[in-house]
Amino acid sequence: MTANTNHPTILLIPGHWLGAWAWDEVVQHLTARGLRATALTLPGLDEADPDRTSRTLDEQVAALEQRIAADTEPVVIVAHSGANAPVTLVLDRHPERVSRVVWVDSGPAAPGMAFAPDFPEGGEGLPLPPFEVLAQQASIDGLSADMLARFRARAVPEPGPVLRQTVELANNARFDVPTTFVCCSMSSAQVQELAEAGHPMFAEVGRFTCVDYIDLPTGHWPMWSRPADLARALAADLAADPAAG
């Protein structure tokens, strides 16, 4: 099917430990629907990069800036999990270049946030934990043994400089970018309750002025557990967006 040029490019950003490969199935489903979709491996997550352990959050932001500058029109950015820090920074610096931001089982980073400010210097960064440990931090519901094996085989340690760097924000125009929360391991009702209660992890959620919520019940990695449904939700969200053309 020919790509629909009336819609913006959908740029999919994977979370911690993951490269663009994590979105392969979703990209296939989106392109089959005639949408332009591409995924990006952030600096530090390319296992072939000999300098990957020294890559910084600033370098991740620069890579995103370079990619969105390549499009003549604003793009849709889809951020999963730990991609929230670089995506929030890009949204802060270039809100006019983003037609919509979609947070997949994630949400915007708050000013002053760092994922692991005390992460020790040196080493290769944070490796993918054992799955019994990971399951205590994020739901692995819906992931088969084969999916988990692929996750383990392809995961790249998250660089320490990325984990330690603080998110500094200055531009409230980011809150006017149309926003969607795809809620997987937590329902949209739970997310909104936490935001209203002032939970620090959801402090920024309620500040966006144009927000949609999509419930897609599954674990924290819906691009593997429900890729067709995730693609369908993204396509429907884009089709309903009057700014998307």
Protein backbone atom coordinates (compact mmCIF):
# COMPACT_ATOMS: atom_id res chain seq x y z
CA MET A 1 0.00 0.00 0.00
CA THR A 2 1.24 3.49 -0.84
CA ALA A 3 2.07 5.69 2.12
CA ASN A 4 -0.54 8.35 2.88
CA THR A 5 1.22 11.68 2.39
CA ASN A 6 -1.67 13.49 4.08
CA HIS A 7 -0.46 12.22 7.44
CA PRO A 8 2.78 13.14 9.20
CA THR A 9 5.63 10.73 9.75
CA ILE A 10 5.20 8.58 12.85
CA LEU A 11 8.53 8.37 14.66
CA LEU A 12 8.70 5.51 17.17
CA ILE A 13 11.24 5.77 20.00
CA PRO A 14 12.01 2.68 22.10
CA GLY A 15 12.66 2.70 25.81
CA HIS A 16 15.61 1.48 27.84
CA TRP A 17 17.75 -1.38 26.52
CA LEU A 18 16.04 -1.31 23.12
CA GLY A 19 16.85 -0.31 19.56
CA ALA A 20 14.60 0.43 16.61
CA TRP A 21 14.13 -3.33 16.12
CA ALA A 22 11.72 -3.35 19.07
CA TRP A 23 9.10 -1.60 16.90
CA ASP A 24 9.44 -3.86 13.83
CA GLU A 25 5.99 -5.44 14.05
CA VAL A 26 4.25 -2.15 14.79
CA VAL A 27 6.01 -0.46 11.86
CA GLN A 28 4.87 -3.28 9.57
CA HIS A 29 1.25 -2.91 10.69
CA LEU A 30 1.33 0.88 10.32
CA THR A 31 2.89 0.83 6.86
CA ALA A 32 0.33 -1.80 5.80
CA ARG A 33 -2.27 0.84 6.66
CA GLY A 34 -0.57 3.32 4.34
CA LEU A 35 1.08 5.35 7.09
CA ARG A 36 4.68 6.56 7.15
CA ALA A 37 6.31 5.05 10.20
CA THR A 38 9.92 4.66 11.20
CA ALA A 39 11.75 3.75 14.39
CA LEU A 40 14.95 5.23 15.77
CA THR A 41 17.77 3.66 17.77
CA LEU A 42 18.95 6.27 20.24
CA PRO A 43 22.68 6.86 20.80
CA GLY A 44 23.98 4.45 23.38
CA LEU A 45 21.60 1.66 22.37
CA ASP A 46 23.39 0.53 19.22
CA GLU A 47 25.44 -2.52 20.18
CA ALA A 48 27.78 -1.91 17.22
CA ASP A 49 28.75 1.56 18.50
CA PRO A 50 32.20 1.26 20.17
CA ASP A 51 31.51 4.44 22.18
CA ARG A 52 27.99 3.57 23.24
CA THR A 53 28.74 3.44 27.00
CA SER A 54 29.75 7.11 26.99
CA ARG A 55 26.72 8.39 25.09
CA THR A 56 24.67 11.04 26.87
CA LEU A 57 21.10 12.22 27.08
CA ASP A 58 22.18 15.32 25.14
CA GLU A 59 23.35 13.07 22.30
CA GLN A 60 20.04 11.25 22.29
CA VAL A 61 18.22 14.57 22.06
CA ALA A 62 20.51 15.70 19.23
CA ALA A 63 19.73 12.52 17.29
CA LEU A 64 16.01 13.17 17.68
CA GLU A 65 16.45 16.79 16.64
CA GLN A 66 18.33 15.73 13.52
CA ARG A 67 15.62 13.23 12.63
CA ILE A 68 12.68 15.60 13.03
CA ALA A 69 14.55 18.29 11.08
CA ALA A 70 14.68 15.88 8.13
CA ASP A 71 10.89 16.14 7.69
CA THR A 72 9.38 19.20 6.08
CA GLU A 73 6.28 18.90 8.28
CA PRO A 74 5.92 18.30 12.04
CA VAL A 75 6.07 14.66 13.07
CA VAL A 76 4.18 12.42 15.46
CA ILE A 77 6.52 11.11 18.15
CA VAL A 78 5.64 7.87 19.91
CA ALA A 79 7.67 7.38 23.09
CA HIS A 80 7.83 4.13 25.02
CA SER A 81 8.88 3.95 28.67
CA GLY A 82 12.39 5.36 29.26
CA ALA A 83 12.31 7.28 25.98
CA ASN A 84 10.33 9.86 27.95
CA ALA A 85 13.42 11.87 28.95
CA PRO A 86 14.84 12.61 25.46
CA VAL A 87 11.36 13.01 23.97
CA THR A 88 10.31 15.46 26.69
CA LEU A 89 13.45 17.51 26.04
CA VAL A 90 12.75 17.61 22.30
CA LEU A 91 9.15 18.60 23.01
CA ASP A 92 10.43 21.38 25.26
CA ARG A 93 12.89 22.70 22.68
CA HIS A 94 10.91 22.20 19.46
CA PRO A 95 7.16 22.01 20.18
CA GLU A 96 6.43 23.44 16.73
CA ARG A 97 8.09 20.39 15.11
CA VAL A 98 5.80 17.88 16.84
CA SER A 99 2.20 17.54 15.66
CA ARG A 100 1.34 15.03 18.40
CA VAL A 101 3.20 13.15 21.11
CA VAL A 102 2.05 9.68 22.13
CA TRP A 103 3.25 8.18 25.41
CA VAL A 104 3.07 4.38 25.35
CA ASP A 105 2.84 3.13 28.95
CA SER A 106 4.90 6.18 29.77
CA GLY A 107 4.57 9.87 30.39
CA PRO A 108 6.48 13.15 30.21
CA ALA A 109 9.54 13.68 32.36
CA ALA A 110 9.33 16.38 35.03
CA PRO A 111 11.88 19.18 35.48
CA GLY A 112 14.84 18.08 37.57
CA MET A 113 14.18 14.39 36.96
CA ALA A 114 16.98 11.90 36.38
CA PHE A 115 16.29 8.20 35.97
CA ALA A 116 19.16 7.14 38.26
CA PRO A 117 21.11 10.20 39.48
CA ASP A 118 23.33 8.09 41.74
CA PHE A 119 24.24 5.51 39.12
CA PRO A 120 27.99 4.87 39.58
CA GLU A 121 30.57 6.18 37.15
CA GLY A 122 32.28 3.64 34.89
CA GLY A 123 31.08 0.27 33.75
CA GLU A 124 28.84 -0.49 30.81
CA GLY A 125 25.69 1.03 32.19
CA LEU A 126 22.53 -0.61 33.48
CA PRO A 127 22.00 -4.10 32.01
CA LEU A 128 18.57 -5.65 31.55
CA PRO A 129 17.73 -7.11 34.98
CA PRO A 130 16.70 -10.74 35.50
CA PHE A 131 13.07 -11.06 34.47
CA GLU A 132 11.92 -11.90 37.99
CA VAL A 133 13.39 -8.55 39.08
CA LEU A 134 12.10 -6.68 36.04
CA ALA A 135 8.58 -7.99 36.65
CA GLN A 136 8.59 -6.22 40.02
CA GLN A 137 9.26 -2.91 38.25
CA ALA A 138 7.20 -3.26 35.06
CA SER A 139 4.60 -5.77 33.95
CA ILE A 140 5.78 -8.47 31.54
CA ASP A 141 2.23 -9.72 30.98
CA GLY A 142 1.61 -10.96 27.46
CA LEU A 143 5.25 -11.75 26.69
CA SER A 144 5.89 -15.33 25.60
CA ALA A 145 9.05 -17.28 26.36
CA ASP A 146 10.25 -16.55 22.81
CA MET A 147 9.63 -12.83 23.24
CA LEU A 148 11.52 -12.78 26.52
CA ALA A 149 14.39 -14.71 24.96
CA ARG A 150 14.64 -12.19 22.13
CA PHE A 151 14.49 -9.33 24.63
CA ARG A 152 17.35 -10.88 26.60
CA ALA A 153 19.44 -11.62 23.50
CA ARG A 154 19.12 -8.15 21.98
CA ALA A 155 19.01 -5.89 25.03
CA VAL A 156 21.84 -3.36 25.35
CA PRO A 157 22.86 -1.87 28.73
CA GLU A 158 21.48 1.65 29.21
CA PRO A 159 24.45 4.07 29.30
CA GLY A 160 25.28 5.51 32.70
CA PRO A 161 25.49 9.14 31.46
CA VAL A 162 21.92 8.87 30.15
CA LEU A 163 20.69 7.55 33.49
CA ARG A 164 22.45 10.23 35.55
CA GLN A 165 21.64 13.34 33.51
CA THR A 166 18.96 15.68 34.83
CA VAL A 167 16.10 16.84 32.62
CA GLU A 168 16.05 20.65 32.43
CA LEU A 169 12.88 22.18 30.97
CA ALA A 170 12.01 25.79 30.18
CA ASN A 171 9.25 26.03 27.55
CA ASN A 172 5.64 25.63 28.64
CA ALA A 173 4.59 25.56 24.97
CA ARG A 174 5.23 21.82 25.18
CA PHE A 175 1.94 21.50 27.06
CA ASP A 176 0.01 22.75 24.02
CA VAL A 177 1.18 19.91 21.75
CA PRO A 178 -1.71 17.44 21.24
CA THR A 179 -1.02 14.46 23.47
CA THR A 180 -2.14 10.85 23.78
CA PHE A 181 -1.51 8.43 26.62
CA VAL A 182 -1.69 4.76 25.64
CA CYS A 183 -2.29 3.05 28.99
CA CYS A 184 -1.26 -0.59 29.22
CA SER A 185 0.00 -1.81 32.58
CA MET A 186 -2.10 0.89 34.27
CA SER A 187 -5.55 1.99 33.17
CA SER A 188 -6.26 5.52 32.04
CA ALA A 189 -8.40 6.00 35.15
CA GLN A 190 -5.46 5.07 37.37
CA VAL A 191 -3.12 7.42 35.48
CA GLN A 192 -5.55 10.31 35.84
CA GLU A 193 -6.08 9.58 39.53
CA LEU A 194 -2.34 9.60 40.17
CA ALA A 195 -1.94 12.84 38.21
CA GLU A 196 -4.74 14.52 40.17
CA ALA A 197 -3.19 13.31 43.43
CA GLY A 198 0.10 14.97 42.51
CA HIS A 199 2.14 11.78 42.27
CA PRO A 200 5.66 12.87 41.20
CA MET A 201 5.85 10.34 38.36
CA PHE A 202 2.70 11.85 36.84
CA ALA A 203 3.19 15.48 37.83
CA GLU A 204 3.22 16.77 34.24
CA VAL A 205 0.31 14.71 32.89
CA GLY A 206 -2.42 17.11 33.92
CA ARG A 207 -0.69 20.15 32.43
CA PHE A 208 -1.25 19.21 28.78
CA THR A 209 -4.13 21.13 27.24
CA CYS A 210 -5.27 18.69 24.54
CA VAL A 211 -5.21 15.10 25.81
CA ASP A 212 -6.63 11.76 24.71
CA TYR A 213 -6.41 8.47 26.57
CA ILE A 214 -6.38 5.00 25.03
CA ASP A 215 -6.67 1.88 27.17
CA LEU A 216 -4.77 -1.11 25.78
CA PRO A 217 -4.62 -3.60 28.65
CA THR A 218 -1.43 -5.66 28.55
CA GLY A 219 2.07 -5.52 29.98
CA HIS A 220 4.66 -2.77 29.67
CA TRP A 221 5.84 -3.86 26.21
CA PRO A 222 2.70 -3.70 24.01
CA MET A 223 4.80 -3.50 20.83
CA TRP A 224 5.42 -7.23 21.38
CA SER A 225 2.37 -8.41 23.31
CA ARG A 226 -0.25 -6.57 21.18
CA PRO A 227 1.54 -5.06 18.14
CA ALA A 228 -1.44 -5.12 15.77
CA ASP A 229 -3.73 -3.57 18.38
CA LEU A 230 -1.15 -0.92 19.23
CA ALA A 231 -0.76 -0.03 15.56
CA ARG A 232 -4.53 0.09 15.15
CA ALA A 233 -4.82 2.43 18.14
CA LEU A 234 -2.09 4.72 16.81
CA ALA A 235 -3.68 4.82 13.35
CA ALA A 236 -7.12 5.60 14.79
CA ASP A 237 -5.66 8.30 17.02
CA LEU A 238 -3.95 9.92 14.06
CA ALA A 239 -7.05 9.67 11.89
CA ALA A 240 -9.08 11.46 14.57
CA ASP A 241 -6.56 14.29 14.86
CA PRO A 242 -7.73 17.27 12.77
CA ALA A 243 -4.20 18.68 12.80
CA ALA A 244 -2.91 15.53 11.08
CA GLY A 245 -4.42 16.45 7.79
